[in-house]
Amino acid sequence: MLNKLFFVIYVLYCLEVGVFLIVFPWMHLWEENSLLGYYPFLRVVFLNHFFRGAVSGLGVANLILGAWEIAHFQRYFKKA
């Protein structure tokens, strides 16, 4: 029972992080990061559309991982 609970938490974590990484780089909040104020050379990198796309690509990878885990759910919990 505990294994199934951890599995559900893991899948929800993968899906949540995936959606966050897809959406957040394209929000206005990404541009107003305080880190960019302290380190202006990072501003060029973080505001580059290719970098934002790479971060969103990691989000897509997380969504695919979550979907794969859901699709292979039965394999982990077979009765012996």
N, C-alpha and C. Protein backbone atom coordinates (compact mmCIF):
# COMPACT_ATOMS: atom_id res chain seq x y z
N MET A 1 0.82 -1.20 0.00
CA MET A 1 0.00 0.00 0.00
C MET A 1 0.86 1.25 0.00
N LEU A 2 1.93 1.24 0.79
CA LEU A 2 2.81 2.39 0.87
C LEU A 2 3.54 2.62 -0.45
N ASN A 3 3.88 1.53 -1.14
CA ASN A 3 4.53 1.66 -2.45
C ASN A 3 3.62 2.36 -3.45
N LYS A 4 2.34 2.05 -3.41
CA LYS A 4 1.40 2.69 -4.33
C LYS A 4 1.26 4.17 -4.02
N LEU A 5 1.28 4.51 -2.75
CA LEU A 5 1.21 5.92 -2.37
C LEU A 5 2.43 6.67 -2.86
N PHE A 6 3.62 6.10 -2.68
CA PHE A 6 4.84 6.74 -3.17
C PHE A 6 4.82 6.84 -4.69
N PHE A 7 4.27 5.84 -5.36
CA PHE A 7 4.16 5.89 -6.82
C PHE A 7 3.28 7.04 -7.25
N VAL A 8 2.13 7.21 -6.62
CA VAL A 8 1.21 8.29 -6.97
C VAL A 8 1.86 9.65 -6.71
N ILE A 9 2.56 9.78 -5.59
CA ILE A 9 3.25 11.05 -5.28
C ILE A 9 4.32 11.33 -6.32
N TYR A 10 5.06 10.31 -6.73
CA TYR A 10 6.11 10.48 -7.73
C TYR A 10 5.52 10.91 -9.07
N VAL A 11 4.43 10.28 -9.49
CA VAL A 11 3.82 10.63 -10.77
C VAL A 11 3.26 12.05 -10.72
N LEU A 12 2.62 12.41 -9.63
CA LEU A 12 2.10 13.78 -9.51
C LEU A 12 3.24 14.80 -9.51
N TYR A 13 4.35 14.45 -8.87
CA TYR A 13 5.52 15.33 -8.87
C TYR A 13 6.04 15.51 -10.30
N CYS A 14 6.17 14.44 -11.05
CA CYS A 14 6.66 14.54 -12.43
C CYS A 14 5.74 15.41 -13.28
N LEU A 15 4.44 15.22 -13.13
CA LEU A 15 3.50 16.00 -13.92
C LEU A 15 3.51 17.48 -13.53
N GLU A 16 3.58 17.74 -12.23
CA GLU A 16 3.57 19.13 -11.77
C GLU A 16 4.84 19.87 -12.20
N VAL A 17 5.99 19.25 -12.03
CA VAL A 17 7.24 19.87 -12.45
C VAL A 17 7.25 20.07 -13.96
N GLY A 18 6.72 19.10 -14.69
CA GLY A 18 6.66 19.21 -16.15
C GLY A 18 5.84 20.41 -16.60
N VAL A 19 4.67 20.57 -16.03
CA VAL A 19 3.82 21.70 -16.41
C VAL A 19 4.49 23.02 -16.01
N PHE A 20 5.09 23.05 -14.82
CA PHE A 20 5.76 24.27 -14.36
C PHE A 20 6.90 24.66 -15.30
N LEU A 21 7.73 23.68 -15.69
CA LEU A 21 8.86 23.98 -16.55
C LEU A 21 8.44 24.35 -17.97
N ILE A 22 7.30 23.91 -18.39
CA ILE A 22 6.81 24.30 -19.71
C ILE A 22 6.29 25.74 -19.70
N VAL A 23 5.57 26.10 -18.66
CA VAL A 23 4.87 27.39 -18.63
C VAL A 23 5.74 28.52 -18.08
N PHE A 24 6.48 28.29 -17.01
CA PHE A 24 7.14 29.38 -16.29
C PHE A 24 8.16 30.17 -17.10
N PRO A 25 9.00 29.56 -17.95
CA PRO A 25 9.97 30.37 -18.69
C PRO A 25 9.33 31.41 -19.60
N TRP A 26 8.07 31.27 -19.94
CA TRP A 26 7.43 32.20 -20.85
C TRP A 26 6.55 33.22 -20.12
N MET A 27 6.59 33.19 -18.79
CA MET A 27 5.80 34.14 -18.00
C MET A 27 6.63 35.41 -17.73
N HIS A 28 5.92 36.47 -17.36
CA HIS A 28 6.56 37.75 -17.06
C HIS A 28 7.43 37.65 -15.81
N LEU A 29 7.08 36.77 -14.90
CA LEU A 29 7.84 36.59 -13.67
C LEU A 29 9.27 36.11 -13.93
N TRP A 30 9.45 35.35 -15.00
CA TRP A 30 10.78 34.85 -15.37
C TRP A 30 11.72 36.02 -15.67
N GLU A 31 11.18 37.07 -16.29
CA GLU A 31 12.00 38.21 -16.67
C GLU A 31 12.33 39.12 -15.49
N GLU A 32 11.52 39.07 -14.44
CA GLU A 32 11.73 39.93 -13.28
C GLU A 32 12.40 39.20 -12.13
N ASN A 33 13.22 38.25 -12.43
CA ASN A 33 13.93 37.46 -11.44
C ASN A 33 14.99 38.33 -10.76
N SER A 34 15.05 38.30 -9.43
CA SER A 34 16.03 39.12 -8.72
C SER A 34 17.46 38.65 -9.00
N LEU A 35 17.64 37.41 -9.33
CA LEU A 35 18.96 36.89 -9.67
C LEU A 35 19.53 37.62 -10.89
N LEU A 36 18.66 37.97 -11.81
CA LEU A 36 19.11 38.67 -13.01
C LEU A 36 19.55 40.09 -12.70
N GLY A 37 19.04 40.68 -11.62
CA GLY A 37 19.48 42.01 -11.21
C GLY A 37 20.88 41.99 -10.62
N TYR A 38 21.22 40.94 -9.91
CA TYR A 38 22.54 40.82 -9.29
C TYR A 38 23.62 40.39 -10.27
N TYR A 39 23.23 39.56 -11.23
CA TYR A 39 24.18 39.04 -12.21
C TYR A 39 23.68 39.36 -13.62
N PRO A 40 24.00 40.54 -14.13
CA PRO A 40 23.46 40.96 -15.43
C PRO A 40 23.90 40.07 -16.59
N PHE A 41 25.05 39.39 -16.47
CA PHE A 41 25.48 38.52 -17.57
C PHE A 41 24.56 37.32 -17.71
N LEU A 42 23.87 36.94 -16.64
CA LEU A 42 22.90 35.85 -16.74
C LEU A 42 21.63 36.27 -17.47
N ARG A 43 21.34 37.57 -17.46
CA ARG A 43 20.14 38.08 -18.12
C ARG A 43 20.14 37.71 -19.61
N VAL A 44 21.32 37.83 -20.23
CA VAL A 44 21.43 37.50 -21.66
C VAL A 44 21.09 36.04 -21.89
N VAL A 45 21.55 35.17 -21.01
CA VAL A 45 21.32 33.73 -21.17
C VAL A 45 19.87 33.38 -20.85
N PHE A 46 19.37 33.84 -19.71
CA PHE A 46 18.04 33.44 -19.25
C PHE A 46 16.92 33.98 -20.14
N LEU A 47 17.13 35.13 -20.76
CA LEU A 47 16.09 35.71 -21.60
C LEU A 47 16.21 35.27 -23.05
N ASN A 48 17.19 34.46 -23.35
CA ASN A 48 17.33 33.91 -24.70
C ASN A 48 16.21 32.90 -24.95
N HIS A 49 15.60 32.98 -26.11
CA HIS A 49 14.48 32.10 -26.42
C HIS A 49 14.92 30.64 -26.55
N PHE A 50 16.14 30.40 -26.96
CA PHE A 50 16.63 29.02 -27.04
C PHE A 50 16.77 28.41 -25.66
N PHE A 51 17.25 29.19 -24.69
CA PHE A 51 17.36 28.71 -23.32
C PHE A 51 15.98 28.43 -22.73
N ARG A 52 15.05 29.34 -22.98
CA ARG A 52 13.68 29.12 -22.49
C ARG A 52 13.08 27.87 -23.11
N GLY A 53 13.35 27.66 -24.39
CA GLY A 53 12.87 26.46 -25.06
C GLY A 53 13.49 25.19 -24.49
N ALA A 54 14.77 25.28 -24.11
CA ALA A 54 15.43 24.11 -23.51
C ALA A 54 14.80 23.79 -22.16
N VAL A 55 14.49 24.81 -21.37
CA VAL A 55 13.84 24.57 -20.08
C VAL A 55 12.45 23.97 -20.30
N SER A 56 11.74 24.49 -21.29
CA SER A 56 10.42 23.92 -21.61
C SER A 56 10.56 22.48 -22.11
N GLY A 57 11.64 22.19 -22.81
CA GLY A 57 11.89 20.82 -23.26
C GLY A 57 12.09 19.87 -22.09
N LEU A 58 12.74 20.34 -21.04
CA LEU A 58 12.86 19.52 -19.83
C LEU A 58 11.48 19.26 -19.23
N GLY A 59 10.61 20.25 -19.32
CA GLY A 59 9.24 20.06 -18.84
C GLY A 59 8.50 19.00 -19.64
N VAL A 60 8.69 19.02 -20.94
CA VAL A 60 8.07 18.00 -21.79
C VAL A 60 8.62 16.62 -21.43
N ALA A 61 9.92 16.54 -21.17
CA ALA A 61 10.52 15.26 -20.77
C ALA A 61 9.92 14.77 -19.46
N ASN A 62 9.67 15.67 -18.52
CA ASN A 62 9.04 15.27 -17.26
C ASN A 62 7.61 14.77 -17.48
N LEU A 63 6.87 15.43 -18.36
CA LEU A 63 5.51 14.96 -18.66
C LEU A 63 5.53 13.59 -19.31
N ILE A 64 6.48 13.38 -20.21
CA ILE A 64 6.59 12.07 -20.86
C ILE A 64 6.96 11.00 -19.84
N LEU A 65 7.85 11.33 -18.91
CA LEU A 65 8.23 10.38 -17.87
C LEU A 65 7.03 10.03 -16.99
N GLY A 66 6.25 11.03 -16.60
CA GLY A 66 5.05 10.77 -15.80
C GLY A 66 4.04 9.91 -16.55
N ALA A 67 3.85 10.20 -17.82
CA ALA A 67 2.92 9.41 -18.63
C ALA A 67 3.42 7.98 -18.80
N TRP A 68 4.73 7.81 -18.98
CA TRP A 68 5.30 6.47 -19.12
C TRP A 68 5.11 5.68 -17.84
N GLU A 69 5.32 6.33 -16.71
CA GLU A 69 5.13 5.64 -15.42
C GLU A 69 3.68 5.21 -15.24
N ILE A 70 2.75 6.06 -15.64
CA ILE A 70 1.33 5.70 -15.54
C ILE A 70 1.01 4.52 -16.46
N ALA A 71 1.57 4.55 -17.67
CA ALA A 71 1.29 3.47 -18.63
C ALA A 71 1.87 2.13 -18.16
N HIS A 72 2.94 2.16 -17.40
CA HIS A 72 3.58 0.93 -16.94
C HIS A 72 3.33 0.67 -15.46
N PHE A 73 2.23 1.16 -14.97
CA PHE A 73 1.87 1.04 -13.55
C PHE A 73 1.74 -0.42 -13.12
N GLN A 74 1.12 -1.24 -13.92
CA GLN A 74 0.85 -2.63 -13.56
C GLN A 74 2.13 -3.45 -13.41
N ARG A 75 3.15 -3.09 -14.15
CA ARG A 75 4.40 -3.85 -14.12
C ARG A 75 5.05 -3.81 -12.73
N TYR A 76 4.92 -2.69 -12.03
CA TYR A 76 5.57 -2.54 -10.74
C TYR A 76 4.83 -3.24 -9.61
N PHE A 77 3.56 -3.45 -9.77
CA PHE A 77 2.75 -3.96 -8.66
C PHE A 77 2.11 -5.31 -8.97
N LYS A 78 2.79 -6.15 -9.72
CA LYS A 78 2.30 -7.49 -9.97
C LYS A 78 2.42 -8.31 -8.69
N LYS A 79 1.44 -9.16 -8.47
CA LYS A 79 1.51 -10.04 -7.30
C LYS A 79 2.38 -11.24 -7.61
N ALA A 80 3.17 -11.61 -6.66
CA ALA A 80 4.12 -12.70 -6.86
C ALA A 80 3.44 -14.05 -6.82
